[in-house]
Every structure is written in structure tokens, then in C-alpha cells.
Amino acid sequence: MAFTDELVEEIKVLAHFNLESHQEGIKVHGSAKSEVIDATGRLFKKGLVSQEDGGYLTDLGIEAAEHAQSVLTILTS
């Protein structure tokens, strides 16, 4: 599996979620970069976030964000 620009953008969005509090979501505004808006929409279609513009992580989204953030932590240590 190749890393596409789209997948990288989705990982970047997942990295913005605070995993310490599942009651804290994100809101991607219409003024955000189109890549971020599109990535968030794809995460919604994949069932990882609760709203097309962000919202909260779903159970699957929590798992994906945990893995994504773990990889980023390992690689930047």
C-alpha cells in the first residue's frame, strides 16, 4: 500500500484530536485549506468522525487516531 497525499492529510487530521478527552472534537471551517476539508469529509465517509466537518471521533476513529498518533510519536522521538 502506497502513501498518497490524501492518506497523509487524513492522518494529519486524526493527529489533531485530543485523545485525553473523547468529549473534545474538532470543527473544520470552510476557510480551512481544501486538503483539510476534503480529508475530514473522507474520514466522515469512512466512519471515523461523527460529522462531515469534524465533530467527534467514533469508536473506530479513536482506534485510528491512537495508532496514527503513536506512529507520529515514535517517529519524532
PDB file of N, CA and C in Angstrom:
ATOM      1  N   MET A   1       0.848  -1.178   0.000  1.00  0.00           N
ATOM      2  CA  MET A   1       0.000   0.000   0.000  1.00  0.00           C
ATOM      3  C   MET A   1       0.892   1.240   0.000  1.00  0.00           C
ATOM      4  N   ALA A   2       0.600   2.126  -0.909  1.00  0.00           N
ATOM      5  CA  ALA A   2       1.370   3.361  -1.033  1.00  0.00           C
ATOM      6  C   ALA A   2       0.715   4.476  -0.220  1.00  0.00           C
ATOM      7  N   PHE A   3       1.541   5.352   0.303  1.00  0.00           N
ATOM      8  CA  PHE A   3       1.029   6.535   0.997  1.00  0.00           C
ATOM      9  C   PHE A   3       0.701   7.585  -0.060  1.00  0.00           C
ATOM     10  N   THR A   4      -0.562   7.951  -0.119  1.00  0.00           N
ATOM     11  CA  THR A   4      -0.981   9.002  -1.038  1.00  0.00           C
ATOM     12  C   THR A   4      -1.060  10.315  -0.269  1.00  0.00           C
ATOM     13  N   ASP A   5      -1.109  11.405  -0.995  1.00  0.00           N
ATOM     14  CA  ASP A   5      -1.280  12.710  -0.351  1.00  0.00           C
ATOM     15  C   ASP A   5      -2.581  12.741   0.449  1.00  0.00           C
ATOM     16  N   GLU A   6      -3.614  12.070  -0.065  1.00  0.00           N
ATOM     17  CA  GLU A   6      -4.907  12.041   0.613  1.00  0.00           C
ATOM     18  C   GLU A   6      -4.808  11.327   1.962  1.00  0.00           C
ATOM     19  N   LEU A   7      -4.118  10.190   1.990  1.00  0.00           N
ATOM     20  CA  LEU A   7      -3.952   9.460   3.251  1.00  0.00           C
ATOM     21  C   LEU A   7      -3.146  10.271   4.263  1.00  0.00           C
ATOM     22  N   VAL A   8      -2.114  10.935   3.792  1.00  0.00           N
ATOM     23  CA  VAL A   8      -1.297  11.760   4.684  1.00  0.00           C
ATOM     24  C   VAL A   8      -2.154  12.870   5.298  1.00  0.00           C
ATOM     25  N   GLU A   9      -3.004  13.502   4.497  1.00  0.00           N
ATOM     26  CA  GLU A   9      -3.888  14.554   5.014  1.00  0.00           C
ATOM     27  C   GLU A   9      -4.863  13.989   6.050  1.00  0.00           C
ATOM     28  N   GLU A  10      -5.380  12.801   5.820  1.00  0.00           N
ATOM     29  CA  GLU A  10      -6.290  12.178   6.781  1.00  0.00           C
ATOM     30  C   GLU A  10      -5.570  11.896   8.102  1.00  0.00           C
ATOM     31  N   ILE A  11      -4.337  11.430   8.024  1.00  0.00           N
ATOM     32  CA  ILE A  11      -3.549  11.182   9.234  1.00  0.00           C
ATOM     33  C   ILE A  11      -3.304  12.498   9.975  1.00  0.00           C
ATOM     34  N   LYS A  12      -3.029  13.553   9.238  1.00  0.00           N
ATOM     35  CA  LYS A  12      -2.823  14.864   9.858  1.00  0.00           C
ATOM     36  C   LYS A  12      -4.074  15.310  10.617  1.00  0.00           C
ATOM     37  N   VAL A  13      -5.247  15.092  10.028  1.00  0.00           N
ATOM     38  CA  VAL A  13      -6.492  15.459  10.714  1.00  0.00           C
ATOM     39  C   VAL A  13      -6.645  14.621  11.986  1.00  0.00           C
ATOM     40  N   LEU A  14      -6.409  13.321  11.890  1.00  0.00           N
ATOM     41  CA  LEU A  14      -6.521  12.457  13.076  1.00  0.00           C
ATOM     42  C   LEU A  14      -5.554  12.883  14.174  1.00  0.00           C
ATOM     43  N   ALA A  15      -4.412  13.409  13.784  1.00  0.00           N
ATOM     44  CA  ALA A  15      -3.412  13.833  14.768  1.00  0.00           C
ATOM     45  C   ALA A  15      -3.862  15.057  15.560  1.00  0.00           C
ATOM     46  N   HIS A  16      -4.851  15.789  15.074  1.00  0.00           N
ATOM     47  CA  HIS A  16      -5.331  16.987  15.771  1.00  0.00           C
ATOM     48  C   HIS A  16      -6.292  16.677  16.919  1.00  0.00           C
ATOM     49  N   PHE A  17      -6.790  15.470  16.984  1.00  0.00           N
ATOM     50  CA  PHE A  17      -7.743  15.140  18.039  1.00  0.00           C
ATOM     51  C   PHE A  17      -7.031  14.927  19.367  1.00  0.00           C
ATOM     52  N   ASN A  18      -7.636  15.422  20.434  1.00  0.00           N
ATOM     53  CA  ASN A  18      -7.123  15.233  21.784  1.00  0.00           C
ATOM     54  C   ASN A  18      -7.646  13.898  22.296  1.00  0.00           C
ATOM     55  N   LEU A  19      -6.767  12.926  22.431  1.00  0.00           N
ATOM     56  CA  LEU A  19      -7.178  11.600  22.879  1.00  0.00           C
ATOM     57  C   LEU A  19      -7.354  11.515  24.385  1.00  0.00           C
ATOM     58  N   GLU A  20      -6.974  12.564  25.094  1.00  0.00           N
ATOM     59  CA  GLU A  20      -7.162  12.594  26.544  1.00  0.00           C
ATOM     60  C   GLU A  20      -8.631  12.806  26.904  1.00  0.00           C
ATOM     61  N   SER A  21      -9.390  13.409  26.003  1.00  0.00           N
ATOM     62  CA  SER A  21     -10.808  13.683  26.247  1.00  0.00           C
ATOM     63  C   SER A  21     -11.601  13.383  24.985  1.00  0.00           C
ATOM     64  N   HIS A  22     -12.426  12.337  25.048  1.00  0.00           N
ATOM     65  CA  HIS A  22     -13.249  11.987  23.895  1.00  0.00           C
ATOM     66  C   HIS A  22     -14.452  12.919  23.776  1.00  0.00           C
ATOM     67  N   GLN A  23     -14.593  13.838  24.724  1.00  0.00           N
ATOM     68  CA  GLN A  23     -15.657  14.832  24.671  1.00  0.00           C
ATOM     69  C   GLN A  23     -15.219  16.086  23.923  1.00  0.00           C
ATOM     70  N   GLU A  24     -13.987  16.086  23.452  1.00  0.00           N
ATOM     71  CA  GLU A  24     -13.430  17.229  22.732  1.00  0.00           C
ATOM     72  C   GLU A  24     -13.285  16.863  21.258  1.00  0.00           C
ATOM     73  N   GLY A  25     -14.027  17.547  20.408  1.00  0.00           N
ATOM     74  CA  GLY A  25     -13.956  17.285  18.982  1.00  0.00           C
ATOM     75  C   GLY A  25     -13.219  18.400  18.270  1.00  0.00           C
ATOM     76  N   ILE A  26     -13.326  18.397  16.955  1.00  0.00           N
ATOM     77  CA  ILE A  26     -12.755  19.467  16.151  1.00  0.00           C
ATOM     78  C   ILE A  26     -13.809  19.963  15.166  1.00  0.00           C
ATOM     79  N   LYS A  27     -13.632  21.181  14.705  1.00  0.00           N
ATOM     80  CA  LYS A  27     -14.510  21.792  13.702  1.00  0.00           C
ATOM     81  C   LYS A  27     -13.611  22.324  12.600  1.00  0.00           C
ATOM     82  N   VAL A  28     -13.790  21.809  11.389  1.00  0.00           N
ATOM     83  CA  VAL A  28     -13.031  22.281  10.245  1.00  0.00           C
ATOM     84  C   VAL A  28     -13.897  23.315   9.538  1.00  0.00           C
ATOM     85  N   HIS A  29     -13.442  24.535   9.552  1.00  0.00           N
ATOM     86  CA  HIS A  29     -14.196  25.636   8.972  1.00  0.00           C
ATOM     87  C   HIS A  29     -14.034  25.688   7.453  1.00  0.00           C
ATOM     88  N   GLY A  30     -14.968  26.319   6.806  1.00  0.00           N
ATOM     89  CA  GLY A  30     -14.927  26.455   5.359  1.00  0.00           C
ATOM     90  C   GLY A  30     -13.735  27.234   4.858  1.00  0.00           C
ATOM     91  N   SER A  31     -13.089  27.985   5.745  1.00  0.00           N
ATOM     92  CA  SER A  31     -11.909  28.763   5.358  1.00  0.00           C
ATOM     93  C   SER A  31     -10.614  27.945   5.466  1.00  0.00           C
ATOM     94  N   ALA A  32     -10.731  26.692   5.920  1.00  0.00           N
ATOM     95  CA  ALA A  32      -9.549  25.831   6.028  1.00  0.00           C
ATOM     96  C   ALA A  32      -9.054  25.463   4.626  1.00  0.00           C
ATOM     97  N   LYS A  33      -7.829  24.967   4.554  1.00  0.00           N
ATOM     98  CA  LYS A  33      -7.285  24.511   3.275  1.00  0.00           C
ATOM     99  C   LYS A  33      -8.193  23.427   2.710  1.00  0.00           C
ATOM    100  N   SER A  34      -8.344  23.416   1.408  1.00  0.00           N
ATOM    101  CA  SER A  34      -9.230  22.439   0.767  1.00  0.00           C
ATOM    102  C   SER A  34      -8.798  21.004   1.055  1.00  0.00           C
ATOM    103  N   GLU A  35      -7.490  20.780   1.210  1.00  0.00           N
ATOM    104  CA  GLU A  35      -6.997  19.436   1.507  1.00  0.00           C
ATOM    105  C   GLU A  35      -7.525  18.943   2.857  1.00  0.00           C
ATOM    106  N   VAL A  36      -7.595  19.857   3.827  1.00  0.00           N
ATOM    107  CA  VAL A  36      -8.075  19.511   5.168  1.00  0.00           C
ATOM    108  C   VAL A  36      -9.581  19.257   5.136  1.00  0.00           C
ATOM    109  N   ILE A  37     -10.305  20.103   4.431  1.00  0.00           N
ATOM    110  CA  ILE A  37     -11.753  19.931   4.308  1.00  0.00           C
ATOM    111  C   ILE A  37     -12.065  18.595   3.640  1.00  0.00           C
ATOM    112  N   ASP A  38     -11.366  18.303   2.557  1.00  0.00           N
ATOM    113  CA  ASP A  38     -11.587  17.049   1.836  1.00  0.00           C
ATOM    114  C   ASP A  38     -11.219  15.835   2.686  1.00  0.00           C
ATOM    115  N   ALA A  39     -10.097  15.923   3.402  1.00  0.00           N
ATOM    116  CA  ALA A  39      -9.663  14.803   4.252  1.00  0.00           C
ATOM    117  C   ALA A  39     -10.678  14.534   5.355  1.00  0.00           C
ATOM    118  N   THR A  40     -11.211  15.579   5.948  1.00  0.00           N
ATOM    119  CA  THR A  40     -12.197  15.413   7.011  1.00  0.00           C
ATOM    120  C   THR A  40     -13.472  14.784   6.456  1.00  0.00           C
ATOM    121  N   GLY A  41     -13.878  15.190   5.271  1.00  0.00           N
ATOM    122  CA  GLY A  41     -15.038  14.584   4.627  1.00  0.00           C
ATOM    123  C   GLY A  41     -14.835  13.105   4.354  1.00  0.00           C
ATOM    124  N   ARG A  42     -13.627  12.738   3.932  1.00  0.00           N
ATOM    125  CA  ARG A  42     -13.335  11.317   3.693  1.00  0.00           C
ATOM    126  C   ARG A  42     -13.357  10.533   4.991  1.00  0.00           C
ATOM    127  N   LEU A  43     -12.834  11.122   6.069  1.00  0.00           N
ATOM    128  CA  LEU A  43     -12.869  10.436   7.374  1.00  0.00           C
ATOM    129  C   LEU A  43     -14.311  10.212   7.821  1.00  0.00           C
ATOM    130  N   PHE A  44     -15.191  11.172   7.543  1.00  0.00           N
ATOM    131  CA  PHE A  44     -16.610  11.011   7.861  1.00  0.00           C
ATOM    132  C   PHE A  44     -17.210   9.857   7.057  1.00  0.00           C
ATOM    133  N   LYS A  45     -16.918   9.815   5.765  1.00  0.00           N
ATOM    134  CA  LYS A  45     -17.448   8.743   4.913  1.00  0.00           C
ATOM    135  C   LYS A  45     -16.921   7.374   5.326  1.00  0.00           C
ATOM    136  N   LYS A  46     -15.735   7.348   5.901  1.00  0.00           N
ATOM    137  CA  LYS A  46     -15.143   6.093   6.371  1.00  0.00           C
ATOM    138  C   LYS A  46     -15.622   5.719   7.772  1.00  0.00           C
ATOM    139  N   GLY A  47     -16.401   6.604   8.393  1.00  0.00           N
ATOM    140  CA  GLY A  47     -16.950   6.309   9.711  1.00  0.00           C
ATOM    141  C   GLY A  47     -16.005   6.594  10.865  1.00  0.00           C
ATOM    142  N   LEU A  48     -15.016   7.451  10.658  1.00  0.00           N
ATOM    143  CA  LEU A  48     -14.055   7.738  11.718  1.00  0.00           C
ATOM    144  C   LEU A  48     -14.394   8.981  12.525  1.00  0.00           C
ATOM    145  N   VAL A  49     -15.155   9.902  11.936  1.00  0.00           N
ATOM    146  CA  VAL A  49     -15.604  11.099  12.656  1.00  0.00           C
ATOM    147  C   VAL A  49     -17.121  11.216  12.514  1.00  0.00           C
ATOM    148  N   SER A  50     -17.727  11.939  13.446  1.00  0.00           N
ATOM    149  CA  SER A  50     -19.186  11.979  13.534  1.00  0.00           C
ATOM    150  C   SER A  50     -19.850  12.978  12.590  1.00  0.00           C
ATOM    151  N   GLN A  51     -19.098  13.934  12.081  1.00  0.00           N
ATOM    152  CA  GLN A  51     -19.654  14.966  11.204  1.00  0.00           C
ATOM    153  C   GLN A  51     -18.752  15.157   9.992  1.00  0.00           C
ATOM    154  N   GLU A  52     -19.333  15.624   8.905  1.00  0.00           N
ATOM    155  CA  GLU A  52     -18.535  15.837   7.692  1.00  0.00           C
ATOM    156  C   GLU A  52     -17.472  16.912   7.887  1.00  0.00           C
ATOM    157  N   ASP A  53     -17.711  17.826   8.836  1.00  0.00           N
ATOM    158  CA  ASP A  53     -16.732  18.884   9.110  1.00  0.00           C
ATOM    159  C   ASP A  53     -15.962  18.626  10.403  1.00  0.00           C
ATOM    160  N   GLY A  54     -15.902  17.391  10.816  1.00  0.00           N
ATOM    161  CA  GLY A  54     -15.129  17.020  12.004  1.00  0.00           C
ATOM    162  C   GLY A  54     -15.984  16.373  13.056  1.00  0.00           C
ATOM    163  N   GLY A  55     -16.337  17.140  14.072  1.00  0.00           N
ATOM    164  CA  GLY A  55     -17.126  16.580  15.163  1.00  0.00           C
ATOM    165  C   GLY A  55     -16.256  15.775  16.103  1.00  0.00           C
ATOM    166  N   TYR A  56     -16.779  14.630  16.489  1.00  0.00           N
ATOM    167  CA  TYR A  56     -16.086  13.758  17.442  1.00  0.00           C
ATOM    168  C   TYR A  56     -15.605  12.498  16.743  1.00  0.00           C
ATOM    169  N   LEU A  57     -14.608  11.875  17.330  1.00  0.00           N
ATOM    170  CA  LEU A  57     -14.151  10.591  16.821  1.00  0.00           C
ATOM    171  C   LEU A  57     -15.178   9.514  17.165  1.00  0.00           C
ATOM    172  N   THR A  58     -15.414   8.612  16.233  1.00  0.00           N
ATOM    173  CA  THR A  58     -16.217   7.426  16.513  1.00  0.00           C
ATOM    174  C   THR A  58     -15.306   6.412  17.215  1.00  0.00           C
ATOM    175  N   ASP A  59     -15.850   5.280  17.599  1.00  0.00           N
ATOM    176  CA  ASP A  59     -15.010   4.244  18.209  1.00  0.00           C
ATOM    177  C   ASP A  59     -13.886   3.828  17.264  1.00  0.00           C
ATOM    178  N   LEU A  60     -14.228   3.659  15.995  1.00  0.00           N
ATOM    179  CA  LEU A  60     -13.207   3.313  15.007  1.00  0.00           C
ATOM    180  C   LEU A  60     -12.215   4.464  14.836  1.00  0.00           C
ATOM    181  N   GLY A  61     -12.715   5.690  14.868  1.00  0.00           N
ATOM    182  CA  GLY A  61     -11.856   6.852  14.755  1.00  0.00           C
ATOM    183  C   GLY A  61     -10.881   6.979  15.916  1.00  0.00           C
ATOM    184  N   ILE A  62     -11.357   6.658  17.119  1.00  0.00           N
ATOM    185  CA  ILE A  62     -10.471   6.682  18.297  1.00  0.00           C
ATOM    186  C   ILE A  62      -9.323   5.704  18.094  1.00  0.00           C
ATOM    187  N   GLU A  63      -9.655   4.507  17.632  1.00  0.00           N
ATOM    188  CA  GLU A  63      -8.619   3.499  17.408  1.00  0.00           C
ATOM    189  C   GLU A  63      -7.624   3.969  16.339  1.00  0.00           C
ATOM    190  N   ALA A  64      -8.133   4.527  15.245  1.00  0.00           N
ATOM    191  CA  ALA A  64      -7.260   5.005  14.169  1.00  0.00           C
ATOM    192  C   ALA A  64      -6.388   6.165  14.646  1.00  0.00           C
ATOM    193  N   ALA A  65      -6.975   7.109  15.397  1.00  0.00           N
ATOM    194  CA  ALA A  65      -6.214   8.254  15.899  1.00  0.00           C
ATOM    195  C   ALA A  65      -5.141   7.802  16.885  1.00  0.00           C
ATOM    196  N   GLU A  66      -5.461   6.821  17.722  1.00  0.00           N
ATOM    197  CA  GLU A  66      -4.457   6.299  18.662  1.00  0.00           C
ATOM    198  C   GLU A  66      -3.267   5.730  17.907  1.00  0.00           C
ATOM    199  N   HIS A  67      -3.541   4.946  16.873  1.00  0.00           N
ATOM    200  CA  HIS A  67      -2.455   4.364  16.084  1.00  0.00           C
ATOM    201  C   HIS A  67      -1.659   5.444  15.350  1.00  0.00           C
ATOM    202  N   ALA A  68      -2.371   6.368  14.729  1.00  0.00           N
ATOM    203  CA  ALA A  68      -1.697   7.439  13.987  1.00  0.00           C
ATOM    204  C   ALA A  68      -0.806   8.271  14.910  1.00  0.00           C
ATOM    205  N   GLN A  69      -1.348   8.628  16.062  1.00  0.00           N
ATOM    206  CA  GLN A  69      -0.568   9.455  16.987  1.00  0.00           C
ATOM    207  C   GLN A  69       0.594   8.670  17.585  1.00  0.00           C
ATOM    208  N   SER A  70       0.427   7.377  17.777  1.00  0.00           N
ATOM    209  CA  SER A  70       1.537   6.543  18.267  1.00  0.00           C
ATOM    210  C   SER A  70       2.674   6.493  17.258  1.00  0.00           C
ATOM    211  N   VAL A  71       2.337   6.313  16.003  1.00  0.00           N
ATOM    212  CA  VAL A  71       3.357   6.290  14.950  1.00  0.00           C
ATOM    213  C   VAL A  71       4.093   7.618  14.906  1.00  0.00           C
ATOM    214  N   LEU A  72       3.358   8.713  14.963  1.00  0.00           N
ATOM    215  CA  LEU A  72       3.998  10.027  14.934  1.00  0.00           C
ATOM    216  C   LEU A  72       4.913  10.228  16.129  1.00  0.00           C
ATOM    217  N   THR A  73       4.489   9.779  17.293  1.00  0.00           N
ATOM    218  CA  THR A  73       5.317   9.895  18.496  1.00  0.00           C
ATOM    219  C   THR A  73       6.606   9.087  18.358  1.00  0.00           C
ATOM    220  N   ILE A  74       6.483   7.873  17.867  1.00  0.00           N
ATOM    221  CA  ILE A  74       7.670   7.007  17.686  1.00  0.00           C
ATOM    222  C   ILE A  74       8.637   7.629  16.684  1.00  0.00           C
ATOM    223  N   LEU A  75       8.115   8.096  15.585  1.00  0.00           N
ATOM    224  CA  LEU A  75       8.976   8.619  14.516  1.00  0.00           C
ATOM    225  C   LEU A  75       9.606   9.950  14.834  1.00  0.00           C
ATOM    226  N   THR A  76       9.002  10.704  15.756  1.00  0.00           N
ATOM    227  CA  THR A  76       9.568  12.016  16.084  1.00  0.00           C
ATOM    228  C   THR A  76      10.336  12.006  17.393  1.00  0.00           C
ATOM    229  N   SER A  77      10.486  10.835  17.998  1.00  0.00           N
ATOM    230  CA  SER A  77      11.238  10.731  19.269  1.00  0.00           C
ATOM    231  C   SER A  77      12.732  10.659  19.012  1.00  0.00           C
TER     232      SER A  77
END
